[in-house]
Amino acid sequence: MLINLMYVTINVTDQDRALEFYTEGLGLEKRIDHPGPEGRFLTVGVPGSPVQLLLWPYPAAAGNPGTPSPVFLESDDLRKDFEAMRGRGVAFESEPADYPFGVRVEAIDPDGNRIALREQRAR
């Protein structure tokens, strides 16, 4: 029986640049950083969450507008987090917007990968 979601892979062209974006820009924490036979195995994650993003050295598969992001991160105060991330140099495709489910915005990493940020509506 499956018990956990371990990794979600994000293709990046420069792992050090990606690590800086995901840790210093988005506020994730570095988890694993080991050399391997196929390349450097580098992961980051949301503090307290078991799921990790694998920042894999490969030409990026940048998302296209209108298609789902490969990663959705949840915030308890997205507008506040948006301002903090923007202040740290994170690029966004727009301002946070209200939707029936809550608030959403998408960050763009240095390789053009779209990272969805969401805040669920209070129930």
PDB file of N, CA and C in Angstrom:
ATOM      1  N   MET A   1       0.844  -1.173   0.000  1.00  0.00           N
ATOM      2  CA  MET A   1       0.000   0.000   0.000  1.00  0.00           C
ATOM      3  C   MET A   1       0.893   1.241   0.000  1.00  0.00           C
ATOM      4  N   LEU A   2       0.527   2.218  -0.794  1.00  0.00           N
ATOM      5  CA  LEU A   2       1.251   3.482  -0.817  1.00  0.00           C
ATOM      6  C   LEU A   2       0.967   4.254   0.463  1.00  0.00           C
ATOM      7  N   ILE A   3       2.010   4.921   0.995  1.00  0.00           N
ATOM      8  CA  ILE A   3       1.832   5.595   2.275  1.00  0.00           C
ATOM      9  C   ILE A   3       2.190   7.079   2.274  1.00  0.00           C
ATOM     10  N   ASN A   4       2.854   7.574   1.212  1.00  0.00           N
ATOM     11  CA  ASN A   4       3.320   8.958   1.278  1.00  0.00           C
ATOM     12  C   ASN A   4       3.677   9.451  -0.116  1.00  0.00           C
ATOM     13  N   LEU A   5       3.534  10.738  -0.334  1.00  0.00           N
ATOM     14  CA  LEU A   5       4.065  11.398  -1.524  1.00  0.00           C
ATOM     15  C   LEU A   5       5.429  11.935  -1.114  1.00  0.00           C
ATOM     16  N   MET A   6       6.502  11.450  -1.755  1.00  0.00           N
ATOM     17  CA  MET A   6       7.855  11.807  -1.342  1.00  0.00           C
ATOM     18  C   MET A   6       8.374  13.047  -2.062  1.00  0.00           C
ATOM     19  N   TYR A   7       8.409  13.012  -3.414  1.00  0.00           N
ATOM     20  CA  TYR A   7       9.042  14.070  -4.190  1.00  0.00           C
ATOM     21  C   TYR A   7       8.174  14.497  -5.358  1.00  0.00           C
ATOM     22  N   VAL A   8       8.303  15.769  -5.697  1.00  0.00           N
ATOM     23  CA  VAL A   8       7.768  16.322  -6.938  1.00  0.00           C
ATOM     24  C   VAL A   8       8.972  16.939  -7.632  1.00  0.00           C
ATOM     25  N   THR A   9       9.214  16.576  -8.901  1.00  0.00           N
ATOM     26  CA  THR A   9      10.399  17.038  -9.611  1.00  0.00           C
ATOM     27  C   THR A   9      10.135  18.343 -10.348  1.00  0.00           C
ATOM     28  N   ILE A  10      11.054  19.296 -10.157  1.00  0.00           N
ATOM     29  CA  ILE A  10      11.065  20.548 -10.900  1.00  0.00           C
ATOM     30  C   ILE A  10      12.375  20.560 -11.687  1.00  0.00           C
ATOM     31  N   ASN A  11      12.296  20.612 -13.013  1.00  0.00           N
ATOM     32  CA  ASN A  11      13.502  20.673 -13.833  1.00  0.00           C
ATOM     33  C   ASN A  11      14.074  22.077 -13.806  1.00  0.00           C
ATOM     34  N   VAL A  12      15.379  22.176 -13.520  1.00  0.00           N
ATOM     35  CA  VAL A  12      16.049  23.473 -13.429  1.00  0.00           C
ATOM     36  C   VAL A  12      17.366  23.424 -14.198  1.00  0.00           C
ATOM     37  N   THR A  13      17.779  24.565 -14.717  1.00  0.00           N
ATOM     38  CA  THR A  13      19.035  24.621 -15.464  1.00  0.00           C
ATOM     39  C   THR A  13      20.225  24.937 -14.569  1.00  0.00           C
ATOM     40  N   ASP A  14      19.997  25.510 -13.407  1.00  0.00           N
ATOM     41  CA  ASP A  14      21.069  25.880 -12.479  1.00  0.00           C
ATOM     42  C   ASP A  14      20.563  25.604 -11.064  1.00  0.00           C
ATOM     43  N   GLN A  15      21.058  24.507 -10.466  1.00  0.00           N
ATOM     44  CA  GLN A  15      20.548  24.108  -9.153  1.00  0.00           C
ATOM     45  C   GLN A  15      20.843  25.126  -8.055  1.00  0.00           C
ATOM     46  N   ASP A  16      21.989  25.774  -8.101  1.00  0.00           N
ATOM     47  CA  ASP A  16      22.296  26.771  -7.069  1.00  0.00           C
ATOM     48  C   ASP A  16      21.350  27.964  -7.168  1.00  0.00           C
ATOM     49  N   ARG A  17      21.085  28.421  -8.385  1.00  0.00           N
ATOM     50  CA  ARG A  17      20.151  29.538  -8.581  1.00  0.00           C
ATOM     51  C   ARG A  17      18.748  29.128  -8.133  1.00  0.00           C
ATOM     52  N   ALA A  18      18.339  27.907  -8.474  1.00  0.00           N
ATOM     53  CA  ALA A  18      17.021  27.412  -8.066  1.00  0.00           C
ATOM     54  C   ALA A  18      16.937  27.289  -6.547  1.00  0.00           C
ATOM     55  N   LEU A  19      18.004  26.783  -5.918  1.00  0.00           N
ATOM     56  CA  LEU A  19      18.015  26.658  -4.460  1.00  0.00           C
ATOM     57  C   LEU A  19      17.832  28.023  -3.807  1.00  0.00           C
ATOM     58  N   GLU A  20      18.491  29.033  -4.320  1.00  0.00           N
ATOM     59  CA  GLU A  20      18.343  30.381  -3.779  1.00  0.00           C
ATOM     60  C   GLU A  20      16.903  30.878  -3.935  1.00  0.00           C
ATOM     61  N   PHE A  21      16.298  30.651  -5.106  1.00  0.00           N
ATOM     62  CA  PHE A  21      14.914  31.082  -5.337  1.00  0.00           C
ATOM     63  C   PHE A  21      13.958  30.395  -4.364  1.00  0.00           C
ATOM     64  N   TYR A  22      14.042  29.073  -4.264  1.00  0.00           N
ATOM     65  CA  TYR A  22      13.073  28.330  -3.456  1.00  0.00           C
ATOM     66  C   TYR A  22      13.282  28.522  -1.954  1.00  0.00           C
ATOM     67  N   THR A  23      14.528  28.741  -1.506  1.00  0.00           N
ATOM     68  CA  THR A  23      14.762  28.942  -0.076  1.00  0.00           C
ATOM     69  C   THR A  23      14.666  30.418   0.300  1.00  0.00           C
ATOM     70  N   GLU A  24      15.453  31.270  -0.327  1.00  0.00           N
ATOM     71  CA  GLU A  24      15.460  32.689   0.044  1.00  0.00           C
ATOM     72  C   GLU A  24      14.250  33.438  -0.505  1.00  0.00           C
ATOM     73  N   GLY A  25      13.764  33.057  -1.686  1.00  0.00           N
ATOM     74  CA  GLY A  25      12.615  33.731  -2.275  1.00  0.00           C
ATOM     75  C   GLY A  25      11.289  33.245  -1.714  1.00  0.00           C
ATOM     76  N   LEU A  26      11.042  31.939  -1.847  1.00  0.00           N
ATOM     77  CA  LEU A  26       9.757  31.390  -1.397  1.00  0.00           C
ATOM     78  C   LEU A  26       9.745  31.006   0.084  1.00  0.00           C
ATOM     79  N   GLY A  27      10.917  30.860   0.698  1.00  0.00           N
ATOM     80  CA  GLY A  27      10.969  30.538   2.125  1.00  0.00           C
ATOM     81  C   GLY A  27      10.925  29.053   2.449  1.00  0.00           C
ATOM     82  N   LEU A  28      11.207  28.184   1.463  1.00  0.00           N
ATOM     83  CA  LEU A  28      11.269  26.754   1.745  1.00  0.00           C
ATOM     84  C   LEU A  28      12.609  26.446   2.408  1.00  0.00           C
ATOM     85  N   GLU A  29      12.737  25.225   2.955  1.00  0.00           N
ATOM     86  CA  GLU A  29      13.994  24.838   3.583  1.00  0.00           C
ATOM     87  C   GLU A  29      14.710  23.777   2.746  1.00  0.00           C
ATOM     88  N   LYS A  30      16.059  23.846   2.732  1.00  0.00           N
ATOM     89  CA  LYS A  30      16.844  22.821   2.035  1.00  0.00           C
ATOM     90  C   LYS A  30      16.792  21.550   2.863  1.00  0.00           C
ATOM     91  N   ARG A  31      16.544  20.412   2.196  1.00  0.00           N
ATOM     92  CA  ARG A  31      16.433  19.138   2.896  1.00  0.00           C
ATOM     93  C   ARG A  31      17.602  18.205   2.574  1.00  0.00           C
ATOM     94  N   ILE A  32      17.813  17.917   1.286  1.00  0.00           N
ATOM     95  CA  ILE A  32      18.842  16.960   0.869  1.00  0.00           C
ATOM     96  C   ILE A  32      19.718  17.636  -0.168  1.00  0.00           C
ATOM     97  N   ASP A  33      21.028  17.403  -0.070  1.00  0.00           N
ATOM     98  CA  ASP A  33      21.967  17.929  -1.064  1.00  0.00           C
ATOM     99  C   ASP A  33      23.131  16.957  -1.155  1.00  0.00           C
ATOM    100  N   HIS A  34      23.022  15.994  -2.089  1.00  0.00           N
ATOM    101  CA  HIS A  34      24.039  14.957  -2.248  1.00  0.00           C
ATOM    102  C   HIS A  34      24.394  14.781  -3.713  1.00  0.00           C
ATOM    103  N   PRO A  35      25.694  14.581  -3.992  1.00  0.00           N
ATOM    104  CA  PRO A  35      26.070  14.231  -5.366  1.00  0.00           C
ATOM    105  C   PRO A  35      25.599  12.801  -5.645  1.00  0.00           C
ATOM    106  N   GLY A  36      25.293  12.521  -6.880  1.00  0.00           N
ATOM    107  CA  GLY A  36      24.860  11.178  -7.247  1.00  0.00           C
ATOM    108  C   GLY A  36      25.371  10.818  -8.621  1.00  0.00           C
ATOM    109  N   PRO A  37      25.241   9.563  -8.988  1.00  0.00           N
ATOM    110  CA  PRO A  37      25.758   9.137 -10.301  1.00  0.00           C
ATOM    111  C   PRO A  37      25.033   9.787 -11.478  1.00  0.00           C
ATOM    112  N   GLU A  38      23.771  10.150 -11.317  1.00  0.00           N
ATOM    113  CA  GLU A  38      23.017  10.797 -12.395  1.00  0.00           C
ATOM    114  C   GLU A  38      23.000  12.314 -12.251  1.00  0.00           C
ATOM    115  N   GLY A  39      23.539  12.838 -11.161  1.00  0.00           N
ATOM    116  CA  GLY A  39      23.540  14.270 -10.912  1.00  0.00           C
ATOM    117  C   GLY A  39      23.299  14.567  -9.450  1.00  0.00           C
ATOM    118  N   ARG A  40      23.400  15.820  -9.104  1.00  0.00           N
ATOM    119  CA  ARG A  40      23.197  16.276  -7.736  1.00  0.00           C
ATOM    120  C   ARG A  40      21.737  16.086  -7.335  1.00  0.00           C
ATOM    121  N   PHE A  41      21.501  15.431  -6.202  1.00  0.00           N
ATOM    122  CA  PHE A  41      20.165  15.193  -5.679  1.00  0.00           C
ATOM    123  C   PHE A  41      19.898  16.277  -4.653  1.00  0.00           C
ATOM    124  N   LEU A  42      19.070  17.260  -5.023  1.00  0.00           N
ATOM    125  CA  LEU A  42      18.846  18.452  -4.217  1.00  0.00           C
ATOM    126  C   LEU A  42      17.350  18.621  -3.994  1.00  0.00           C
ATOM    127  N   THR A  43      16.942  18.673  -2.717  1.00  0.00           N
ATOM    128  CA  THR A  43      15.520  18.843  -2.422  1.00  0.00           C
ATOM    129  C   THR A  43      15.296  19.998  -1.451  1.00  0.00           C
ATOM    130  N   VAL A  44      14.092  20.558  -1.539  1.00  0.00           N
ATOM    131  CA  VAL A  44      13.612  21.591  -0.631  1.00  0.00           C
ATOM    132  C   VAL A  44      12.194  21.214  -0.225  1.00  0.00           C
ATOM    133  N   GLY A  45      11.706  21.810   0.864  1.00  0.00           N
ATOM    134  CA  GLY A  45      10.348  21.524   1.294  1.00  0.00           C
ATOM    135  C   GLY A  45       9.798  22.620   2.172  1.00  0.00           C
ATOM    136  N   VAL A  46       8.495  22.611   2.317  1.00  0.00           N
ATOM    137  CA  VAL A  46       7.816  23.518   3.240  1.00  0.00           C
ATOM    138  C   VAL A  46       8.125  23.029   4.652  1.00  0.00           C
ATOM    139  N   PRO A  47       8.575  23.917   5.557  1.00  0.00           N
ATOM    140  CA  PRO A  47       8.843  23.483   6.924  1.00  0.00           C
ATOM    141  C   PRO A  47       7.639  22.737   7.523  1.00  0.00           C
ATOM    142  N   GLY A  48       7.904  21.563   8.081  1.00  0.00           N
ATOM    143  CA  GLY A  48       6.860  20.766   8.703  1.00  0.00           C
ATOM    144  C   GLY A  48       6.124  19.823   7.771  1.00  0.00           C
ATOM    145  N   SER A  49       6.357  19.930   6.457  1.00  0.00           N
ATOM    146  CA  SER A  49       5.686  19.057   5.486  1.00  0.00           C
ATOM    147  C   SER A  49       6.636  17.950   5.045  1.00  0.00           C
ATOM    148  N   PRO A  50       6.136  16.713   4.895  1.00  0.00           N
ATOM    149  CA  PRO A  50       7.013  15.631   4.445  1.00  0.00           C
ATOM    150  C   PRO A  50       7.318  15.668   2.939  1.00  0.00           C
ATOM    151  N   VAL A  51       6.522  16.371   2.156  1.00  0.00           N
ATOM    152  CA  VAL A  51       6.705  16.401   0.694  1.00  0.00           C
ATOM    153  C   VAL A  51       7.896  17.296   0.357  1.00  0.00           C
ATOM    154  N   GLN A  52       8.711  16.834  -0.601  1.00  0.00           N
ATOM    155  CA  GLN A  52       9.888  17.581  -1.004  1.00  0.00           C
ATOM    156  C   GLN A  52       9.864  17.838  -2.509  1.00  0.00           C
ATOM    157  N   LEU A  53      10.390  18.998  -2.906  1.00  0.00           N
ATOM    158  CA  LEU A  53      10.579  19.309  -4.313  1.00  0.00           C
ATOM    159  C   LEU A  53      12.000  18.923  -4.681  1.00  0.00           C
ATOM    160  N   LEU A  54      12.142  18.097  -5.694  1.00  0.00           N
ATOM    161  CA  LEU A  54      13.441  17.684  -6.200  1.00  0.00           C
ATOM    162  C   LEU A  54      13.828  18.667  -7.303  1.00  0.00           C
ATOM    163  N   LEU A  55      14.890  19.441  -7.086  1.00  0.00           N
ATOM    164  CA  LEU A  55      15.360  20.416  -8.070  1.00  0.00           C
ATOM    165  C   LEU A  55      16.373  19.698  -8.959  1.00  0.00           C
ATOM    166  N   TRP A  56      15.883  19.167 -10.072  1.00  0.00           N
ATOM    167  CA  TRP A  56      16.671  18.265 -10.913  1.00  0.00           C
ATOM    168  C   TRP A  56      17.368  19.015 -12.043  1.00  0.00           C
ATOM    169  N   PRO A  57      18.675  18.724 -12.260  1.00  0.00           N
ATOM    170  CA  PRO A  57      19.425  19.415 -13.305  1.00  0.00           C
ATOM    171  C   PRO A  57      19.060  18.899 -14.698  1.00  0.00           C
ATOM    172  N   TYR A  58      18.198  19.632 -15.346  1.00  0.00           N
ATOM    173  CA  TYR A  58      17.713  19.249 -16.675  1.00  0.00           C
ATOM    174  C   TYR A  58      17.096  20.493 -17.294  1.00  0.00           C
ATOM    175  N   PRO A  59      17.103  20.611 -18.597  1.00  0.00           N
ATOM    176  CA  PRO A  59      16.445  21.802 -19.177  1.00  0.00           C
ATOM    177  C   PRO A  59      15.025  21.945 -18.639  1.00  0.00           C
ATOM    178  N   ALA A  60      14.725  23.120 -18.175  1.00  0.00           N
ATOM    179  CA  ALA A  60      13.427  23.376 -17.545  1.00  0.00           C
ATOM    180  C   ALA A  60      12.286  23.171 -18.522  1.00  0.00           C
ATOM    181  N   ALA A  61      11.181  22.675 -17.998  1.00  0.00           N
ATOM    182  CA  ALA A  61       9.947  22.531 -18.764  1.00  0.00           C
ATOM    183  C   ALA A  61       9.010  23.615 -18.290  1.00  0.00           C
ATOM    184  N   ALA A  62       9.274  24.834 -18.699  1.00  0.00           N
ATOM    185  CA  ALA A  62       8.505  25.987 -18.225  1.00  0.00           C
ATOM    186  C   ALA A  62       7.030  25.811 -18.528  1.00  0.00           C
ATOM    187  N   GLY A  63       6.213  26.176 -17.543  1.00  0.00           N
ATOM    188  CA  GLY A  63       4.773  26.056 -17.705  1.00  0.00           C
ATOM    189  C   GLY A  63       4.218  27.070 -18.687  1.00  0.00           C
ATOM    190  N   ASN A  64       3.115  26.725 -19.285  1.00  0.00           N
ATOM    191  CA  ASN A  64       2.417  27.617 -20.192  1.00  0.00           C
ATOM    192  C   ASN A  64       1.188  28.177 -19.500  1.00  0.00           C
ATOM    193  N   PRO A  65       0.913  29.472 -19.683  1.00  0.00           N
ATOM    194  CA  PRO A  65      -0.300  30.021 -19.078  1.00  0.00           C
ATOM    195  C   PRO A  65      -1.527  29.193 -19.480  1.00  0.00           C
ATOM    196  N   GLY A  66      -2.411  28.976 -18.525  1.00  0.00           N
ATOM    197  CA  GLY A  66      -3.620  28.210 -18.795  1.00  0.00           C
ATOM    198  C   GLY A  66      -3.497  26.741 -18.456  1.00  0.00           C
ATOM    199  N   THR A  67      -2.287  26.248 -18.174  1.00  0.00           N
ATOM    200  CA  THR A  67      -2.111  24.859 -17.766  1.00  0.00           C
ATOM    201  C   THR A  67      -1.770  24.831 -16.279  1.00  0.00           C
ATOM    202  N   PRO A  68      -2.135  23.764 -15.563  1.00  0.00           N
ATOM    203  CA  PRO A  68      -1.861  23.724 -14.127  1.00  0.00           C
ATOM    204  C   PRO A  68      -0.369  23.777 -13.822  1.00  0.00           C
ATOM    205  N   SER A  69      -0.045  24.431 -12.734  1.00  0.00           N
ATOM    206  CA  SER A  69       1.323  24.467 -12.240  1.00  0.00           C
ATOM    207  C   SER A  69       1.715  23.076 -11.760  1.00  0.00           C
ATOM    208  N   PRO A  70       3.016  22.737 -11.816  1.00  0.00           N
ATOM    209  CA  PRO A  70       3.420  21.427 -11.292  1.00  0.00           C
ATOM    210  C   PRO A  70       3.400  21.372  -9.768  1.00  0.00           C
ATOM    211  N   VAL A  71       3.363  22.536  -9.104  1.00  0.00           N
ATOM    212  CA  VAL A  71       3.411  22.594  -7.646  1.00  0.00           C
ATOM    213  C   VAL A  71       2.408  23.625  -7.143  1.00  0.00           C
ATOM    214  N   PHE A  72       1.666  23.264  -6.118  1.00  0.00           N
ATOM    215  CA  PHE A  72       0.744  24.176  -5.439  1.00  0.00           C
ATOM    216  C   PHE A  72       1.197  24.272  -3.985  1.00  0.00           C
ATOM    217  N   LEU A  73       1.490  25.490  -3.528  1.00  0.00           N
ATOM    218  CA  LEU A  73       1.860  25.723  -2.140  1.00  0.00           C
ATOM    219  C   LEU A  73       0.742  26.511  -1.467  1.00  0.00           C
ATOM    220  N   GLU A  74       0.414  26.138  -0.226  1.00  0.00           N
ATOM    221  CA  GLU A  74      -0.683  26.787   0.496  1.00  0.00           C
ATOM    222  C   GLU A  74      -0.155  27.787   1.509  1.00  0.00           C
ATOM    223  N   SER A  75      -0.841  28.903   1.617  1.00  0.00           N
ATOM    224  CA  SER A  75      -0.514  29.964   2.564  1.00  0.00           C
ATOM    225  C   SER A  75      -1.721  30.220   3.457  1.00  0.00           C
ATOM    226  N   ASP A  76      -1.452  30.681   4.692  1.00  0.00           N
ATOM    227  CA  ASP A  76      -2.572  31.071   5.554  1.00  0.00           C
ATOM    228  C   ASP A  76      -2.853  32.573   5.438  1.00  0.00           C
ATOM    229  N   ASP A  77      -1.978  33.316   4.746  1.00  0.00           N
ATOM    230  CA  ASP A  77      -2.188  34.745   4.479  1.00  0.00           C
ATOM    231  C   ASP A  77      -1.422  35.085   3.194  1.00  0.00           C
ATOM    232  N   LEU A  78      -2.021  34.770   2.059  1.00  0.00           N
ATOM    233  CA  LEU A  78      -1.330  34.871   0.780  1.00  0.00           C
ATOM    234  C   LEU A  78      -0.930  36.298   0.422  1.00  0.00           C
ATOM    235  N   ARG A  79      -1.784  37.255   0.690  1.00  0.00           N
ATOM    236  CA  ARG A  79      -1.419  38.638   0.344  1.00  0.00           C
ATOM    237  C   ARG A  79      -0.191  39.104   1.140  1.00  0.00           C
ATOM    238  N   LYS A  80      -0.104  38.750   2.397  1.00  0.00           N
ATOM    239  CA  LYS A  80       1.064  39.088   3.212  1.00  0.00           C
ATOM    240  C   LYS A  80       2.301  38.360   2.679  1.00  0.00           C
ATOM    241  N   ASP A  81       2.168  37.062   2.398  1.00  0.00           N
ATOM    242  CA  ASP A  81       3.295  36.293   1.862  1.00  0.00           C
ATOM    243  C   ASP A  81       3.723  36.822   0.496  1.00  0.00           C
ATOM    244  N   PHE A  82       2.760  37.203  -0.330  1.00  0.00           N
ATOM    245  CA  PHE A  82       3.057  37.777  -1.646  1.00  0.00           C
ATOM    246  C   PHE A  82       3.946  39.004  -1.510  1.00  0.00           C
ATOM    247  N   GLU A  83       3.583  39.921  -0.618  1.00  0.00           N
ATOM    248  CA  GLU A  83       4.375  41.138  -0.428  1.00  0.00           C
ATOM    249  C   GLU A  83       5.781  40.811   0.070  1.00  0.00           C
ATOM    250  N   ALA A  84       5.891  39.863   1.004  1.00  0.00           N
ATOM    251  CA  ALA A  84       7.206  39.471   1.523  1.00  0.00           C
ATOM    252  C   ALA A  84       8.060  38.845   0.419  1.00  0.00           C
ATOM    253  N   MET A  85       7.465  37.946  -0.370  1.00  0.00           N
ATOM    254  CA  MET A  85       8.213  37.296  -1.450  1.00  0.00           C
ATOM    255  C   MET A  85       8.595  38.289  -2.534  1.00  0.00           C
ATOM    256  N   ARG A  86       7.678  39.168  -2.890  1.00  0.00           N
ATOM    257  CA  ARG A  86       7.979  40.186  -3.890  1.00  0.00           C
ATOM    258  C   ARG A  86       9.126  41.073  -3.400  1.00  0.00           C
ATOM    259  N   GLY A  87       9.145  41.380  -2.115  1.00  0.00           N
ATOM    260  CA  GLY A  87      10.231  42.154  -1.534  1.00  0.00           C
ATOM    261  C   GLY A  87      11.567  41.439  -1.587  1.00  0.00           C
ATOM    262  N   ARG A  88      11.519  40.098  -1.664  1.00  0.00           N
ATOM    263  CA  ARG A  88      12.754  39.308  -1.780  1.00  0.00           C
ATOM    264  C   ARG A  88      13.119  39.044  -3.235  1.00  0.00           C
ATOM    265  N   GLY A  89      12.392  39.673  -4.174  1.00  0.00           N
ATOM    266  CA  GLY A  89      12.740  39.553  -5.586  1.00  0.00           C
ATOM    267  C   GLY A  89      12.025  38.473  -6.364  1.00  0.00           C
ATOM    268  N   VAL A  90      11.028  37.808  -5.768  1.00  0.00           N
ATOM    269  CA  VAL A  90      10.281  36.780  -6.484  1.00  0.00           C
ATOM    270  C   VAL A  90       9.405  37.446  -7.549  1.00  0.00           C
ATOM    271  N   ALA A  91       9.430  36.892  -8.767  1.00  0.00           N
ATOM    272  CA  ALA A  91       8.601  37.400  -9.867  1.00  0.00           C
ATOM    273  C   ALA A  91       7.243  36.695  -9.848  1.00  0.00           C
ATOM    274  N   PHE A  92       6.201  37.451 -10.142  1.00  0.00           N
ATOM    275  CA  PHE A  92       4.835  36.918 -10.206  1.00  0.00           C
ATOM    276  C   PHE A  92       4.226  37.282 -11.541  1.00  0.00           C
ATOM    277  N   GLU A  93       3.264  36.471 -11.990  1.00  0.00           N
ATOM    278  CA  GLU A  93       2.619  36.787 -13.267  1.00  0.00           C
ATOM    279  C   GLU A  93       1.514  37.814 -13.103  1.00  0.00           C
ATOM    280  N   SER A  94       1.063  38.039 -11.863  1.00  0.00           N
ATOM    281  CA  SER A  94      -0.003  39.014 -11.610  1.00  0.00           C
ATOM    282  C   SER A  94      -0.040  39.306 -10.108  1.00  0.00           C
ATOM    283  N   GLU A  95      -1.010  40.107  -9.703  1.00  0.00           N
ATOM    284  CA  GLU A  95      -1.288  40.347  -8.285  1.00  0.00           C
ATOM    285  C   GLU A  95      -2.178  39.206  -7.773  1.00  0.00           C
ATOM    286  N   PRO A  96      -2.217  38.949  -6.461  1.00  0.00           N
ATOM    287  CA  PRO A  96      -3.155  37.949  -5.933  1.00  0.00           C
ATOM    288  C   PRO A  96      -4.585  38.294  -6.328  1.00  0.00           C
ATOM    289  N   ALA A  97      -5.363  37.270  -6.652  1.00  0.00           N
ATOM    290  CA  ALA A  97      -6.747  37.471  -7.090  1.00  0.00           C
ATOM    291  C   ALA A  97      -7.688  36.596  -6.266  1.00  0.00           C
ATOM    292  N   ASP A  98      -8.911  37.116  -6.045  1.00  0.00           N
ATOM    293  CA  ASP A  98      -9.935  36.369  -5.321  1.00  0.00           C
ATOM    294  C   ASP A  98     -10.671  35.440  -6.269  1.00  0.00           C
ATOM    295  N   TYR A  99     -10.925  34.228  -5.800  1.00  0.00           N
ATOM    296  CA  TYR A  99     -11.681  33.208  -6.529  1.00  0.00           C
ATOM    297  C   TYR A  99     -12.674  32.587  -5.556  1.00  0.00           C
ATOM    298  N   PRO A 100     -13.645  31.812  -6.034  1.00  0.00           N
ATOM    299  CA  PRO A 100     -14.600  31.183  -5.120  1.00  0.00           C
ATOM    300  C   PRO A 100     -13.932  30.310  -4.047  1.00  0.00           C
ATOM    301  N   PHE A 101     -12.796  29.691  -4.352  1.00  0.00           N
ATOM    302  CA  PHE A 101     -12.110  28.822  -3.387  1.00  0.00           C
ATOM    303  C   PHE A 101     -11.212  29.591  -2.428  1.00  0.00           C
ATOM    304  N   GLY A 102     -10.885  30.858  -2.755  1.00  0.00           N
ATOM    305  CA  GLY A 102      -9.981  31.638  -1.913  1.00  0.00           C
ATOM    306  C   GLY A 102      -9.178  32.633  -2.742  1.00  0.00           C
ATOM    307  N   VAL A 103      -7.880  32.708  -2.490  1.00  0.00           N
ATOM    308  CA  VAL A 103      -6.993  33.647  -3.169  1.00  0.00           C
ATOM    309  C   VAL A 103      -5.920  32.849  -3.891  1.00  0.00           C
ATOM    310  N   ARG A 104      -5.493  33.353  -5.081  1.00  0.00           N
ATOM    311  CA  ARG A 104      -4.447  32.654  -5.825  1.00  0.00           C
ATOM    312  C   ARG A 104      -3.536  33.647  -6.516  1.00  0.00           C
ATOM    313  N   VAL A 105      -2.293  33.184  -6.751  1.00  0.00           N
ATOM    314  CA  VAL A 105      -1.307  33.905  -7.549  1.00  0.00           C
ATOM    315  C   VAL A 105      -0.257  32.876  -7.963  1.00  0.00           C
ATOM    316  N   GLU A 106       0.495  33.178  -9.003  1.00  0.00           N
ATOM    317  CA  GLU A 106       1.554  32.262  -9.428  1.00  0.00           C
ATOM    318  C   GLU A 106       2.886  32.979  -9.464  1.00  0.00           C
ATOM    319  N   ALA A 107       3.881  32.358  -8.812  1.00  0.00           N
ATOM    320  CA  ALA A 107       5.252  32.833  -8.855  1.00  0.00           C
ATOM    321  C   ALA A 107       5.934  32.173 -10.052  1.00  0.00           C
ATOM    322  N   ILE A 108       6.976  32.832 -10.551  1.00  0.00           N
ATOM    323  CA  ILE A 108       7.736  32.307 -11.685  1.00  0.00           C
ATOM    324  C   ILE A 108       9.176  32.112 -11.217  1.00  0.00           C
ATOM    325  N   ASP A 109       9.692  30.871 -11.313  1.00  0.00           N
ATOM    326  CA  ASP A 109      11.072  30.639 -10.883  1.00  0.00           C
ATOM    327  C   ASP A 109      12.043  31.082 -11.979  1.00  0.00           C
ATOM    328  N   PRO A 110      13.358  31.067 -11.711  1.00  0.00           N
ATOM    329  CA  PRO A 110      14.321  31.558 -12.695  1.00  0.00           C
ATOM    330  C   PRO A 110      14.323  30.805 -14.026  1.00  0.00           C
ATOM    331  N   ASP A 111      13.774  29.587 -14.059  1.00  0.00           N
ATOM    332  CA  ASP A 111      13.689  28.818 -15.300  1.00  0.00           C
ATOM    333  C   ASP A 111      12.332  28.926 -15.971  1.00  0.00           C
ATOM    334  N   GLY A 112      11.447  29.758 -15.438  1.00  0.00           N
ATOM    335  CA  GLY A 112      10.125  29.932 -16.026  1.00  0.00           C
ATOM    336  C   GLY A 112       9.077  28.966 -15.517  1.00  0.00           C
ATOM    337  N   ASN A 113       9.435  28.089 -14.564  1.00  0.00           N
ATOM    338  CA  ASN A 113       8.448  27.190 -13.969  1.00  0.00           C
ATOM    339  C   ASN A 113       7.468  28.008 -13.142  1.00  0.00           C
ATOM    340  N   ARG A 114       6.183  27.715 -13.297  1.00  0.00           N
ATOM    341  CA  ARG A 114       5.138  28.417 -12.553  1.00  0.00           C
ATOM    342  C   ARG A 114       4.840  27.667 -11.265  1.00  0.00           C
ATOM    343  N   ILE A 115       4.843  28.384 -10.140  1.00  0.00           N
ATOM    344  CA  ILE A 115       4.563  27.810  -8.827  1.00  0.00           C
ATOM    345  C   ILE A 115       3.282  28.456  -8.318  1.00  0.00           C
ATOM    346  N   ALA A 116       2.235  27.645  -8.184  1.00  0.00           N
ATOM    347  CA  ALA A 116       0.935  28.148  -7.743  1.00  0.00           C
ATOM    348  C   ALA A 116       0.942  28.349  -6.230  1.00  0.00           C
ATOM    349  N   LEU A 117       0.463  29.504  -5.805  1.00  0.00           N
ATOM    350  CA  LEU A 117       0.322  29.815  -4.388  1.00  0.00           C
ATOM    351  C   LEU A 117      -1.155  30.046  -4.112  1.00  0.00           C
ATOM    352  N   ARG A 118      -1.677  29.395  -3.074  1.00  0.00           N
ATOM    353  CA  ARG A 118      -3.110  29.467  -2.787  1.00  0.00           C
ATOM    354  C   ARG A 118      -3.357  29.719  -1.308  1.00  0.00           C
ATOM    355  N   GLU A 119      -4.478  30.398  -1.041  1.00  0.00           N
ATOM    356  CA  GLU A 119      -5.014  30.530   0.315  1.00  0.00           C
ATOM    357  C   GLU A 119      -6.474  30.093   0.224  1.00  0.00           C
ATOM    358  N   GLN A 120      -6.828  29.074   0.997  1.00  0.00           N
ATOM    359  CA  GLN A 120      -8.204  28.582   0.962  1.00  0.00           C
ATOM    360  C   GLN A 120      -9.130  29.541   1.699  1.00  0.00           C
ATOM    361  N   ARG A 121     -10.344  29.666   1.176  1.00  0.00           N
ATOM    362  CA  ARG A 121     -11.363  30.492   1.814  1.00  0.00           C
ATOM    363  C   ARG A 121     -11.703  29.904   3.176  1.00  0.00           C
ATOM    364  N   ALA A 122     -11.866  30.785   4.180  1.00  0.00           N
ATOM    365  CA  ALA A 122     -12.256  30.336   5.511  1.00  0.00           C
ATOM    366  C   ALA A 122     -13.621  29.674   5.430  1.00  0.00           C
ATOM    367  N   ARG A 123     -13.786  28.618   6.155  1.00  0.00           N
ATOM    368  CA  ARG A 123     -15.041  27.869   6.109  1.00  0.00           C
ATOM    369  C   ARG A 123     -15.923  28.204   7.248  1.00  0.00           C
TER     370      ARG A 123
END
